[in-house]
Amino acid sequence: VNRCKMPSYIKAKARKVSATTKLPKTLRPVQKKFQKAPTKLKAVREVIRDVVGYSPYERRVLELLKLGRDKRALRFCKRRLGSHSRAKAKREQMALHLRQQRKK
């Protein structure tokens, strides 16, 4: 008893599948951005940040965070950076900097 509702010519066509070899996965440039940065690169970025300091908009975000105006800081970052997720990341980065300063 054939219980399949497909016509026989489609079933015959569906059975004939040629063997394929899987290609190795390659990362797109966007995906490379989200990989973990090497420790040497992190150290270099940290030294550059210490020497150069923060840009004017980042200093303003730090001031807003010191005053406890997190939502305003997020809105300001969003206006400057263009997207909500980037703004959240920047605000978190600035908050981390303030926490580290308080520890010292």
Protein backbone atom coordinates (compact mmCIF):
# COMPACT_ATOMS: atom_id res chain seq x y z
CA VAL A 1 0.00 0.00 0.00
CA ASN A 2 1.46 3.34 -1.08
CA ARG A 3 0.58 5.94 1.55
CA CYS A 4 2.59 8.81 0.05
CA LYS A 5 0.46 11.45 -1.64
CA MET A 6 3.24 12.47 -4.04
CA PRO A 7 2.94 11.43 -7.68
CA SER A 8 5.32 8.68 -8.71
CA TYR A 9 7.32 10.83 -11.15
CA ILE A 10 8.15 13.32 -8.35
CA LYS A 11 9.17 10.50 -5.97
CA ALA A 12 11.49 9.08 -8.61
CA LYS A 13 13.02 12.52 -9.15
CA ALA A 14 13.44 13.09 -5.40
CA ARG A 15 15.38 9.85 -4.93
CA LYS A 16 18.11 10.73 -7.45
CA VAL A 17 20.51 12.91 -5.49
CA SER A 18 24.13 13.23 -6.49
CA ALA A 19 26.75 12.99 -3.75
CA THR A 20 28.21 16.33 -2.68
CA THR A 21 31.26 17.26 -0.67
CA LYS A 22 30.86 19.87 2.04
CA LEU A 23 32.97 22.98 1.64
CA PRO A 24 34.92 24.26 4.65
CA LYS A 25 33.14 27.13 6.41
CA THR A 26 34.71 30.55 5.86
CA LEU A 27 34.04 33.59 7.99
CA ARG A 28 32.56 36.70 6.41
CA PRO A 29 34.24 40.02 7.31
CA VAL A 30 31.31 40.88 9.59
CA GLN A 31 31.79 37.66 11.57
CA LYS A 32 35.54 38.30 11.93
CA LYS A 33 34.74 41.52 13.78
CA PHE A 34 33.03 39.57 16.59
CA GLN A 35 35.84 37.08 17.15
CA LYS A 36 37.88 37.34 20.34
CA ALA A 37 40.73 39.82 19.88
CA PRO A 38 44.27 38.50 20.47
CA THR A 39 45.86 39.44 23.80
CA LYS A 40 48.70 41.34 22.10
CA LEU A 41 46.20 43.47 20.20
CA LYS A 42 44.27 44.15 23.41
CA ALA A 43 47.46 45.34 25.09
CA VAL A 44 48.28 47.65 22.18
CA ARG A 45 44.78 49.14 22.21
CA GLU A 46 45.00 49.68 25.96
CA VAL A 47 48.31 51.57 25.63
CA ILE A 48 46.88 53.72 22.83
CA ARG A 49 43.80 54.50 24.94
CA ASP A 50 46.02 55.55 27.87
CA VAL A 51 48.18 57.82 25.71
CA VAL A 52 45.49 59.38 23.51
CA GLY A 53 42.65 59.57 26.03
CA TYR A 54 38.96 59.93 25.23
CA SER A 55 37.22 61.91 22.52
CA PRO A 56 35.01 64.84 23.52
CA TYR A 57 31.75 62.91 23.16
CA GLU A 58 33.18 60.07 25.29
CA ARG A 59 34.14 62.57 27.99
CA ARG A 60 30.60 63.90 27.97
CA VAL A 61 29.25 60.35 28.35
CA LEU A 62 31.58 59.86 31.32
CA GLU A 63 30.22 63.05 32.89
CA LEU A 64 26.62 61.92 32.37
CA LEU A 65 27.40 58.56 33.94
CA LYS A 66 29.07 60.25 36.93
CA LEU A 67 25.87 62.23 37.45
CA GLY A 68 23.85 59.00 37.30
CA ARG A 69 22.05 59.85 34.08
CA ASP A 70 22.44 56.47 32.36
CA LYS A 71 19.44 56.84 30.09
CA ARG A 72 20.58 60.26 28.88
CA ALA A 73 24.07 58.83 28.26
CA LEU A 74 22.53 56.04 26.18
CA ARG A 75 20.50 58.50 24.13
CA PHE A 76 23.57 60.68 23.59
CA CYS A 77 25.65 57.67 22.48
CA LYS A 78 22.87 56.53 20.18
CA ARG A 79 22.75 59.94 18.53
CA ARG A 80 26.51 59.93 17.99
CA LEU A 81 27.07 56.28 17.02
CA GLY A 82 23.93 55.62 15.01
CA SER A 83 22.63 52.35 16.45
CA HIS A 84 21.15 51.21 19.74
CA SER A 85 23.43 48.19 20.15
CA ARG A 86 26.60 50.22 19.54
CA ALA A 87 25.36 52.84 22.00
CA LYS A 88 24.73 50.21 24.68
CA ALA A 89 28.21 48.76 24.16
CA LYS A 90 29.84 52.21 24.37
CA ARG A 91 27.91 53.14 27.52
CA GLU A 92 28.96 49.85 29.12
CA GLN A 93 32.59 50.48 28.13
CA MET A 94 32.49 53.95 29.69
CA ALA A 95 30.81 52.62 32.85
CA LEU A 96 33.53 49.97 33.13
CA HIS A 97 36.16 52.71 32.88
CA LEU A 98 34.49 54.62 35.73
CA ARG A 99 34.32 51.48 37.88
CA GLN A 100 38.01 50.83 37.29
CA GLN A 101 38.85 54.44 38.21
CA ARG A 102 36.95 54.13 41.49
CA LYS A 103 38.86 50.93 42.38
CA LYS A 104 42.25 52.64 41.97
